[in-house]
Amino acid sequence: MKKLYCFDFDGTITYKDTMFMYLKFYDSSKFRIQFLRHIPLFVLLKLKLAETEKVKKSFIGSILKGQDESKIKEKSRQFFEAHYPKIVRENALDFIKNIDKDTTESLLVTASLDIWAQPFAEAFKMELVSTRAEFKNGVFTGNFIGKNCNGKEKLERIKKEISDEKFDKIIAFGDTSGDRPMLNWANEGHYRFFH
C-alpha cells in the first residue's frame, strides 16, 4: 500500500504563522518599521481588496530584498534551531515521527518561502513544495520563482511534484481555505486534524 501524505505547514503542523516570526527574527527593527508601513495593505487584504501574493512579496521584499543568500540561509538555520520543535504541535510531530518511510512519501506543502521552510522539511524528512525565493548572483531579488504556493497553486505544485507516480491513497492535512483544493483532491482530507 503506497501512501502520499500532504501536510500544510503554517497553522497545521505549527502553532503559529512562520512568515512574521522569521522576518522579525531576521531583523526586528526593520520588521517593526515595515510592519507599520504595511498595515494599510494588510487591512485591504483582510477585506479581500488586495492580492495576497502582491502584499506578501512587498512585505517580504521590504525586509529581505538585496540580502545575501548565504546570510539568509544562515539566519534560517538559526531560526530553525531557535524554534524547533517548540512551534510544532506535539501530536503533529508524533504523527510525523511514526510515518512508515518505506511505504509512504510525505510532502510539506506551504505558501511559506523555501528560505525558512526548508530546514523544517528536512527535520520532518519530507520533500518541500513551497513558494520559492528568487536569487540572482547570490542576492535575493525580492521576487518569487513562479506563483505563491497557495489555493489551486498548491494542488498544481503537488501534481507536478509527484508527476506520474501512483499512490493507493493520498491523505492531506490543512487548516485554512487556501488548503481546500488540496484537501478536496486527496482521498482523505483532514481539516485542523492536529488542533
Protein backbone atom coordinates (compact mmCIF):
# COMPACT_ATOMS: atom_id res chain seq x y z
CA MET A 1 0.00 0.00 0.00
CA LYS A 2 1.73 3.15 -1.22
CA LYS A 3 0.61 6.32 0.51
CA LEU A 4 1.21 10.01 -0.03
CA TYR A 5 0.84 12.47 2.82
CA CYS A 6 0.50 16.19 2.02
CA PHE A 7 0.93 18.45 5.03
CA ASP A 8 0.27 22.16 5.10
CA PHE A 9 2.83 23.84 7.34
CA ASP A 10 1.71 27.10 9.00
CA GLY A 11 -1.09 26.55 11.49
CA THR A 12 -1.50 22.88 10.56
CA ILE A 13 1.80 21.48 11.85
CA THR A 14 2.87 24.66 13.66
CA TYR A 15 1.07 26.75 16.28
CA LYS A 16 1.96 30.00 14.53
CA ASP A 17 2.47 31.54 11.12
CA THR A 18 6.21 31.36 10.47
CA MET A 19 6.48 34.23 7.97
CA PHE A 20 6.10 37.01 10.54
CA MET A 21 8.21 35.08 13.04
CA TYR A 22 11.07 34.61 10.59
CA LEU A 23 11.08 38.18 9.29
CA LYS A 24 11.06 39.53 12.84
CA PHE A 25 13.88 37.14 13.74
CA TYR A 26 15.85 38.25 10.69
CA ASP A 27 15.76 41.97 11.52
CA SER A 28 13.43 43.06 14.30
CA SER A 29 13.84 46.83 13.88
CA LYS A 30 13.30 46.69 10.11
CA PHE A 31 10.37 44.34 10.75
CA ARG A 32 8.65 46.84 13.07
CA ILE A 33 9.02 49.73 10.62
CA GLN A 34 7.85 47.71 7.59
CA PHE A 35 5.00 46.10 9.53
CA LEU A 36 3.62 49.55 10.37
CA ARG A 37 4.08 50.68 6.76
CA HIS A 38 2.21 47.61 5.52
CA ILE A 39 -0.77 47.87 7.89
CA PRO A 40 -2.97 49.57 5.21
CA LEU A 41 -2.17 46.70 2.82
CA PHE A 42 -2.88 44.08 5.50
CA VAL A 43 -6.26 45.75 6.09
CA LEU A 44 -7.04 45.67 2.35
CA LEU A 45 -6.03 42.01 2.35
CA LYS A 46 -8.45 41.21 5.18
CA LEU A 47 -11.19 42.99 3.23
CA LYS A 48 -10.19 40.96 0.15
CA LEU A 49 -9.34 44.17 -1.72
CA ALA A 50 -5.68 43.32 -2.29
CA GLU A 51 -3.89 40.33 -3.79
CA THR A 52 -2.19 38.11 -1.23
CA GLU A 53 0.78 37.46 -3.49
CA LYS A 54 1.47 41.18 -4.08
CA VAL A 55 1.20 42.12 -0.39
CA LYS A 56 3.34 39.16 0.64
CA LYS A 57 6.02 39.99 -1.96
CA SER A 58 6.03 43.63 -0.90
CA PHE A 59 6.35 42.81 2.81
CA ILE A 60 8.99 40.09 2.47
CA GLY A 61 10.92 42.18 -0.06
CA SER A 62 10.88 45.23 2.22
CA ILE A 63 12.95 43.23 4.74
CA LEU A 64 14.93 40.69 2.70
CA LYS A 65 15.45 42.22 -0.75
CA GLY A 66 19.13 42.72 -1.54
CA GLN A 67 20.28 40.37 1.22
CA ASP A 68 22.95 37.74 0.56
CA GLU A 69 21.71 34.19 0.07
CA SER A 70 24.38 32.90 2.48
CA LYS A 71 23.19 35.28 5.24
CA ILE A 72 19.55 34.35 4.62
CA LYS A 73 20.38 30.61 4.80
CA GLU A 74 22.40 31.10 7.98
CA LYS A 75 19.53 33.07 9.58
CA SER A 76 17.09 30.33 8.51
CA ARG A 77 19.23 27.71 10.22
CA GLN A 78 19.38 29.84 13.39
CA PHE A 79 15.62 30.43 13.22
CA PHE A 80 15.01 26.70 12.92
CA GLU A 81 17.31 25.91 15.85
CA ALA A 82 15.64 28.57 17.99
CA HIS A 83 12.08 27.38 17.30
CA TYR A 84 12.15 23.65 16.58
CA PRO A 85 10.36 21.73 17.97
CA LYS A 86 8.70 24.40 20.19
CA ILE A 87 6.43 25.82 17.47
CA VAL A 88 5.43 22.39 16.19
CA ARG A 89 2.22 20.85 17.51
CA GLU A 90 3.19 17.83 19.62
CA ASN A 91 0.58 15.48 18.17
CA ALA A 92 1.63 16.51 14.64
CA LEU A 93 5.25 15.74 15.49
CA ASP A 94 4.30 12.35 16.95
CA PHE A 95 2.27 11.56 13.85
CA ILE A 96 5.15 12.54 11.52
CA LYS A 97 7.72 10.56 13.51
CA ASN A 98 5.56 7.43 13.20
CA ILE A 99 5.13 7.55 9.41
CA ASP A 100 6.39 4.37 7.77
CA LYS A 101 9.05 5.75 5.42
CA ASP A 102 9.16 2.53 3.37
CA THR A 103 5.60 2.73 2.10
CA THR A 104 4.90 6.43 2.39
CA GLU A 105 6.03 9.63 0.71
CA SER A 106 5.44 12.91 2.52
CA LEU A 107 5.28 16.45 1.19
CA LEU A 108 5.40 19.66 3.19
CA VAL A 109 3.18 21.93 1.08
CA THR A 110 3.34 25.55 2.09
CA ALA A 111 2.80 29.14 0.98
CA SER A 112 5.78 30.00 3.18
CA LEU A 113 9.06 30.63 1.38
CA ASP A 114 11.57 27.84 0.88
CA ILE A 115 14.07 30.16 2.62
CA TRP A 116 12.83 29.33 6.12
CA ALA A 117 10.64 26.26 5.47
CA GLN A 118 13.47 24.06 4.11
CA PRO A 119 15.13 23.25 7.48
CA PHE A 120 11.74 22.16 8.84
CA ALA A 121 11.07 19.94 5.80
CA GLU A 122 14.48 18.33 6.33
CA ALA A 123 13.76 17.72 10.02
CA PHE A 124 10.43 16.12 9.10
CA LYS A 125 12.18 14.08 6.34
CA MET A 126 9.75 15.49 3.76
CA GLU A 127 10.07 16.93 0.28
CA LEU A 128 9.33 20.65 0.30
CA VAL A 129 6.72 22.13 -2.05
CA SER A 130 6.66 25.86 -1.31
CA THR A 131 6.75 29.42 -2.58
CA ARG A 132 10.25 29.87 -3.96
CA ALA A 133 12.53 32.86 -3.43
CA GLU A 134 14.42 34.18 -6.43
CA PHE A 135 18.15 34.77 -6.07
CA LYS A 136 20.38 36.40 -8.68
CA ASN A 137 24.16 36.31 -8.22
CA GLY A 138 23.63 35.13 -4.66
CA VAL A 139 21.31 38.01 -3.73
CA PHE A 140 17.55 37.88 -3.04
CA THR A 141 15.69 39.89 -5.70
CA GLY A 142 12.51 40.30 -3.64
CA ASN A 143 10.66 38.21 -6.24
CA PHE A 144 9.27 34.68 -6.25
CA ILE A 145 10.00 31.97 -8.80
CA GLY A 146 6.51 31.12 -10.05
CA LYS A 147 3.39 31.77 -8.00
CA ASN A 148 2.62 31.95 -4.31
CA CYS A 149 2.07 28.29 -3.32
CA ASN A 150 -1.49 28.56 -2.01
CA GLY A 151 -5.01 27.51 -3.00
CA LYS A 152 -5.16 25.99 -6.51
CA GLU A 153 -1.42 26.56 -6.92
CA LYS A 154 -0.76 24.16 -4.02
CA LEU A 155 -2.57 21.42 -5.88
CA GLU A 156 -0.81 22.20 -9.19
CA ARG A 157 2.56 22.02 -7.48
CA ILE A 158 1.75 18.71 -5.75
CA LYS A 159 0.70 17.19 -9.09
CA LYS A 160 3.94 18.43 -10.67
CA GLU A 161 5.98 17.04 -7.77
CA ILE A 162 4.50 13.53 -7.96
CA SER A 163 4.10 13.65 -11.80
CA ASP A 164 3.32 10.08 -12.89
CA GLU A 165 3.75 8.35 -9.55
CA LYS A 166 0.79 6.23 -8.49
CA PHE A 167 -0.41 6.11 -4.91
CA ASP A 168 -3.02 3.80 -3.38
CA LYS A 169 -4.06 6.55 -1.00
CA ILE A 170 -3.46 10.28 -0.76
CA ILE A 171 -4.04 11.93 2.61
CA ALA A 172 -3.89 15.70 3.10
CA PHE A 173 -3.87 17.93 6.17
CA GLY A 174 -4.72 21.64 6.19
CA ASP A 175 -6.22 24.40 8.31
CA THR A 176 -7.35 27.26 6.03
CA SER A 177 -9.36 27.95 2.87
CA GLY A 178 -6.02 28.01 1.00
CA ASP A 179 -5.77 24.26 1.65
CA ARG A 180 -9.25 23.41 0.36
CA PRO A 181 -8.27 22.42 -3.22
CA MET A 182 -5.63 20.05 -1.82
CA LEU A 183 -8.00 18.63 0.82
CA ASN A 184 -10.81 18.10 -1.70
CA TRP A 185 -8.47 16.40 -4.18
CA ALA A 186 -7.00 13.92 -1.68
CA ASN A 187 -8.70 10.59 -0.91
CA GLU A 188 -8.80 11.79 2.67
CA GLY A 189 -8.72 15.49 3.53
CA HIS A 190 -8.30 16.35 7.21
CA TYR A 191 -9.16 19.88 8.31
CA ARG A 192 -7.48 21.05 11.56
CA PHE A 193 -6.71 17.43 12.40
CA PHE A 194 -3.90 18.25 14.85
CA HIS A 195 -5.65 21.15 16.60
